C-alpha cells in the first residue's frame, strides 16, 4: 500500500507552455520591411500552438487517469479504516 502512495511521481505531469504570440508592428512600413520574419513567426506560432494543444490533451488524459486511480485508492483506504 505504501508503494502505491509513493509510486506516483509529480514529475510525470507535463508542463505545457503556450507559445508567445507573434509580434506585428503597428506601422505599415515596419510590417513590410520585416514581412518575411513576421510571416515566419506566424508559421512557427501555428506549429507550436498545435503542439501545445496536443500537450494539453495528453496532460488532461494523464490527469484524468491519475484521478481515477486516486479515487480507487481512496475507496480501498476507506475500506481499510472503516472495518
N, C-alpha and C. Protein backbone atom coordinates (compact mmCIF):
# COMPACT_ATOMS: atom_id res chain seq x y z
N UNK A 1 0.82 -1.19 0.00
CA UNK A 1 0.00 0.00 0.00
C UNK A 1 0.86 1.26 0.00
N UNK A 2 1.92 1.25 0.81
CA UNK A 2 2.81 2.41 0.84
C UNK A 2 3.47 2.62 -0.51
N UNK A 3 3.75 1.51 -1.20
CA UNK A 3 4.35 1.63 -2.52
C UNK A 3 3.46 2.45 -3.45
N UNK A 4 2.16 2.20 -3.40
CA UNK A 4 1.22 2.95 -4.24
C UNK A 4 1.24 4.44 -3.91
N UNK A 5 1.34 4.73 -2.65
CA UNK A 5 1.33 6.14 -2.24
C UNK A 5 2.56 6.88 -2.74
N UNK A 6 3.69 6.18 -2.81
CA UNK A 6 4.92 6.85 -3.21
C UNK A 6 5.31 6.61 -4.65
N UNK A 7 4.56 5.76 -5.36
CA UNK A 7 4.93 5.46 -6.75
C UNK A 7 4.50 6.56 -7.71
N UNK A 8 3.53 7.36 -7.34
CA UNK A 8 3.10 8.47 -8.20
C UNK A 8 4.16 9.56 -8.11
N UNK A 9 4.66 9.93 -9.25
CA UNK A 9 5.73 10.92 -9.30
C UNK A 9 5.18 12.22 -9.88
N UNK A 10 5.19 13.33 -9.13
CA UNK A 10 4.69 14.59 -9.67
C UNK A 10 5.44 15.02 -10.92
N UNK A 11 6.66 14.54 -11.08
CA UNK A 11 7.43 14.90 -12.27
C UNK A 11 6.85 14.26 -13.53
N UNK A 12 5.96 13.27 -13.35
CA UNK A 12 5.33 12.64 -14.51
C UNK A 12 4.39 13.61 -15.22
N UNK A 13 3.88 14.58 -14.49
CA UNK A 13 2.99 15.56 -15.10
C UNK A 13 3.80 16.44 -16.04
N UNK A 14 3.22 16.72 -17.17
CA UNK A 14 3.92 17.53 -18.17
C UNK A 14 3.50 18.98 -18.03
N UNK A 15 4.45 19.85 -18.18
CA UNK A 15 4.14 21.28 -18.17
C UNK A 15 4.00 21.73 -19.61
N UNK A 16 2.83 22.18 -19.95
CA UNK A 16 2.56 22.65 -21.30
C UNK A 16 2.68 24.17 -21.31
N UNK A 17 3.57 24.66 -22.10
CA UNK A 17 3.78 26.11 -22.18
C UNK A 17 3.27 26.64 -23.52
N UNK A 18 2.39 27.60 -23.43
CA UNK A 18 1.86 28.21 -24.65
C UNK A 18 2.96 29.02 -25.34
N UNK A 19 2.99 28.97 -26.66
CA UNK A 19 3.99 29.77 -27.37
C UNK A 19 3.63 31.25 -27.31
N UNK A 20 4.65 32.09 -27.40
CA UNK A 20 4.36 33.53 -27.39
C UNK A 20 3.65 33.95 -28.68
N UNK A 21 2.78 34.92 -28.56
CA UNK A 21 2.08 35.45 -29.75
C UNK A 21 3.08 36.16 -30.65
N UNK A 22 2.90 36.03 -31.94
CA UNK A 22 3.78 36.78 -32.86
C UNK A 22 3.55 38.29 -32.72
N UNK A 23 4.62 39.02 -32.87
CA UNK A 23 4.53 40.48 -32.80
C UNK A 23 4.30 41.02 -34.21
N UNK A 24 3.37 41.93 -34.31
CA UNK A 24 3.12 42.62 -35.59
C UNK A 24 3.24 44.11 -35.32
N UNK A 25 4.19 44.76 -36.00
CA UNK A 25 4.33 46.21 -35.79
C UNK A 25 3.07 46.94 -36.24
N UNK A 26 2.82 48.05 -35.59
CA UNK A 26 1.60 48.80 -35.91
C UNK A 26 1.76 49.67 -37.15
N UNK A 27 2.99 49.96 -37.53
CA UNK A 27 3.14 50.80 -38.72
C UNK A 27 3.41 49.95 -39.96
N UNK A 28 2.83 50.38 -41.06
CA UNK A 28 2.88 49.64 -42.32
C UNK A 28 4.31 49.47 -42.82
N UNK A 29 5.12 50.48 -42.71
CA UNK A 29 6.49 50.42 -43.21
C UNK A 29 7.27 49.30 -42.52
N UNK A 30 7.20 49.22 -41.22
CA UNK A 30 7.91 48.17 -40.48
C UNK A 30 7.34 46.80 -40.83
N UNK A 31 6.03 46.71 -40.94
CA UNK A 31 5.40 45.44 -41.30
C UNK A 31 5.91 44.94 -42.65
N UNK A 32 6.01 45.84 -43.60
CA UNK A 32 6.51 45.46 -44.93
C UNK A 32 8.00 45.12 -44.87
N UNK A 33 8.75 45.89 -44.12
CA UNK A 33 10.19 45.69 -44.04
C UNK A 33 10.53 44.34 -43.40
N UNK A 34 9.74 43.95 -42.44
CA UNK A 34 10.01 42.69 -41.73
C UNK A 34 8.99 41.60 -42.06
N UNK A 35 8.36 41.70 -43.20
CA UNK A 35 7.28 40.77 -43.57
C UNK A 35 7.73 39.31 -43.53
N UNK A 36 8.92 39.01 -44.04
CA UNK A 36 9.38 37.62 -44.04
C UNK A 36 9.57 37.08 -42.63
N UNK A 37 10.14 37.88 -41.77
CA UNK A 37 10.35 37.47 -40.37
C UNK A 37 9.01 37.29 -39.67
N UNK A 38 8.10 38.24 -39.87
CA UNK A 38 6.79 38.18 -39.23
C UNK A 38 6.01 36.97 -39.75
N UNK A 39 6.04 36.74 -41.04
CA UNK A 39 5.37 35.58 -41.63
C UNK A 39 5.91 34.29 -41.01
N UNK A 40 7.23 34.21 -40.88
CA UNK A 40 7.85 33.03 -40.28
C UNK A 40 7.41 32.88 -38.81
N UNK A 41 7.35 34.01 -38.09
CA UNK A 41 6.90 33.96 -36.70
C UNK A 41 5.48 33.39 -36.59
N UNK A 42 4.61 33.79 -37.51
CA UNK A 42 3.24 33.28 -37.51
C UNK A 42 3.22 31.78 -37.82
N UNK A 43 4.01 31.35 -38.77
CA UNK A 43 4.06 29.93 -39.11
C UNK A 43 4.59 29.10 -37.95
N UNK A 44 5.61 29.62 -37.26
CA UNK A 44 6.13 28.93 -36.07
C UNK A 44 5.08 28.88 -34.97
N UNK A 45 4.37 29.98 -34.80
CA UNK A 45 3.32 30.02 -33.79
C UNK A 45 2.25 28.97 -34.08
N UNK A 46 1.81 28.89 -35.31
CA UNK A 46 0.77 27.92 -35.68
C UNK A 46 1.27 26.50 -35.42
N UNK A 47 2.51 26.22 -35.76
CA UNK A 47 3.08 24.90 -35.49
C UNK A 47 3.14 24.64 -33.99
N UNK A 48 3.64 25.62 -33.26
CA UNK A 48 3.83 25.45 -31.82
C UNK A 48 2.52 25.40 -31.05
N UNK A 49 1.50 26.13 -31.50
CA UNK A 49 0.22 26.10 -30.79
C UNK A 49 -0.44 24.74 -30.98
N UNK A 50 -0.21 24.11 -32.12
CA UNK A 50 -0.73 22.76 -32.33
C UNK A 50 -0.06 21.77 -31.37
N UNK A 51 1.23 21.92 -31.18
CA UNK A 51 1.95 21.08 -30.21
C UNK A 51 1.44 21.35 -28.79
N UNK A 52 1.18 22.60 -28.51
CA UNK A 52 0.65 22.99 -27.20
C UNK A 52 -0.71 22.33 -26.96
N UNK A 53 -1.58 22.36 -27.96
CA UNK A 53 -2.89 21.72 -27.82
C UNK A 53 -2.75 20.21 -27.59
N UNK A 54 -1.82 19.57 -28.30
CA UNK A 54 -1.58 18.13 -28.09
C UNK A 54 -1.08 17.88 -26.67
N UNK A 55 -0.19 18.74 -26.20
CA UNK A 55 0.33 18.61 -24.84
C UNK A 55 -0.80 18.73 -23.82
N UNK A 56 -1.67 19.72 -24.00
CA UNK A 56 -2.79 19.90 -23.08
C UNK A 56 -3.69 18.67 -23.07
N UNK A 57 -3.95 18.12 -24.24
CA UNK A 57 -4.81 16.94 -24.33
C UNK A 57 -4.15 15.74 -23.65
N UNK A 58 -2.85 15.56 -23.86
CA UNK A 58 -2.13 14.46 -23.20
C UNK A 58 -2.13 14.64 -21.69
N UNK A 59 -1.92 15.86 -21.23
CA UNK A 59 -1.92 16.14 -19.80
C UNK A 59 -3.31 15.94 -19.21
N UNK A 60 -4.33 16.34 -19.93
CA UNK A 60 -5.71 16.12 -19.47
C UNK A 60 -5.97 14.63 -19.31
N UNK A 61 -5.57 13.84 -20.29
CA UNK A 61 -5.77 12.39 -20.23
C UNK A 61 -4.99 11.79 -19.06
N UNK A 62 -3.75 12.23 -18.87
CA UNK A 62 -2.93 11.73 -17.77
C UNK A 62 -3.57 12.06 -16.42
N UNK A 63 -4.01 13.31 -16.28
CA UNK A 63 -4.61 13.76 -15.02
C UNK A 63 -5.93 13.02 -14.76
N UNK A 64 -6.70 12.78 -15.79
CA UNK A 64 -7.96 12.04 -15.65
C UNK A 64 -7.69 10.62 -15.15
N UNK A 65 -6.69 9.96 -15.75
CA UNK A 65 -6.32 8.60 -15.32
C UNK A 65 -5.80 8.62 -13.89
N UNK A 66 -4.99 9.60 -13.56
CA UNK A 66 -4.49 9.72 -12.19
C UNK A 66 -5.65 9.90 -11.21
N UNK A 67 -6.60 10.73 -11.55
CA UNK A 67 -7.75 10.97 -10.67
C UNK A 67 -8.56 9.68 -10.49
N UNK A 68 -8.70 8.90 -11.54
CA UNK A 68 -9.40 7.62 -11.44
C UNK A 68 -8.66 6.68 -10.49
N UNK A 69 -7.34 6.61 -10.64
CA UNK A 69 -6.53 5.75 -9.77
C UNK A 69 -6.62 6.20 -8.31
N UNK A 70 -6.53 7.51 -8.09
CA UNK A 70 -6.60 8.04 -6.73
C UNK A 70 -7.97 7.74 -6.12
N UNK A 71 -9.03 7.85 -6.91
CA UNK A 71 -10.37 7.52 -6.40
C UNK A 71 -10.45 6.07 -5.98
N UNK A 72 -9.87 5.18 -6.78
CA UNK A 72 -9.85 3.76 -6.42
C UNK A 72 -9.03 3.54 -5.14
N UNK A 73 -7.88 4.19 -5.04
CA UNK A 73 -7.05 4.07 -3.85
C UNK A 73 -7.79 4.57 -2.62
N UNK A 74 -8.53 5.66 -2.78
CA UNK A 74 -9.30 6.21 -1.67
C UNK A 74 -10.37 5.22 -1.23
N UNK A 75 -11.02 4.59 -2.18
CA UNK A 75 -12.02 3.58 -1.86
C UNK A 75 -11.40 2.43 -1.07
N UNK A 76 -10.21 1.97 -1.50
CA UNK A 76 -9.53 0.91 -0.76
C UNK A 76 -9.15 1.38 0.64
N UNK A 77 -8.67 2.61 0.76
CA UNK A 77 -8.31 3.19 2.05
C UNK A 77 -9.53 3.22 2.97
N UNK A 78 -10.65 3.71 2.46
CA UNK A 78 -11.86 3.76 3.29
C UNK A 78 -12.27 2.37 3.74
N UNK A 79 -12.10 1.39 2.85
CA UNK A 79 -12.40 0.01 3.21
C UNK A 79 -11.53 -0.50 4.34
N UNK A 80 -10.28 -0.05 4.37
CA UNK A 80 -9.36 -0.47 5.43
C UNK A 80 -9.70 0.16 6.78
N UNK A 81 -9.99 1.44 6.77
CA UNK A 81 -10.18 2.14 8.04
C UNK A 81 -11.59 2.02 8.58
N UNK A 82 -12.54 1.60 7.81
CA UNK A 82 -13.94 1.52 8.26
C UNK A 82 -14.31 0.11 8.68
N UNK A 83 -13.34 -0.76 8.80
CA UNK A 83 -13.66 -2.14 9.20
C UNK A 83 -13.97 -2.22 10.65
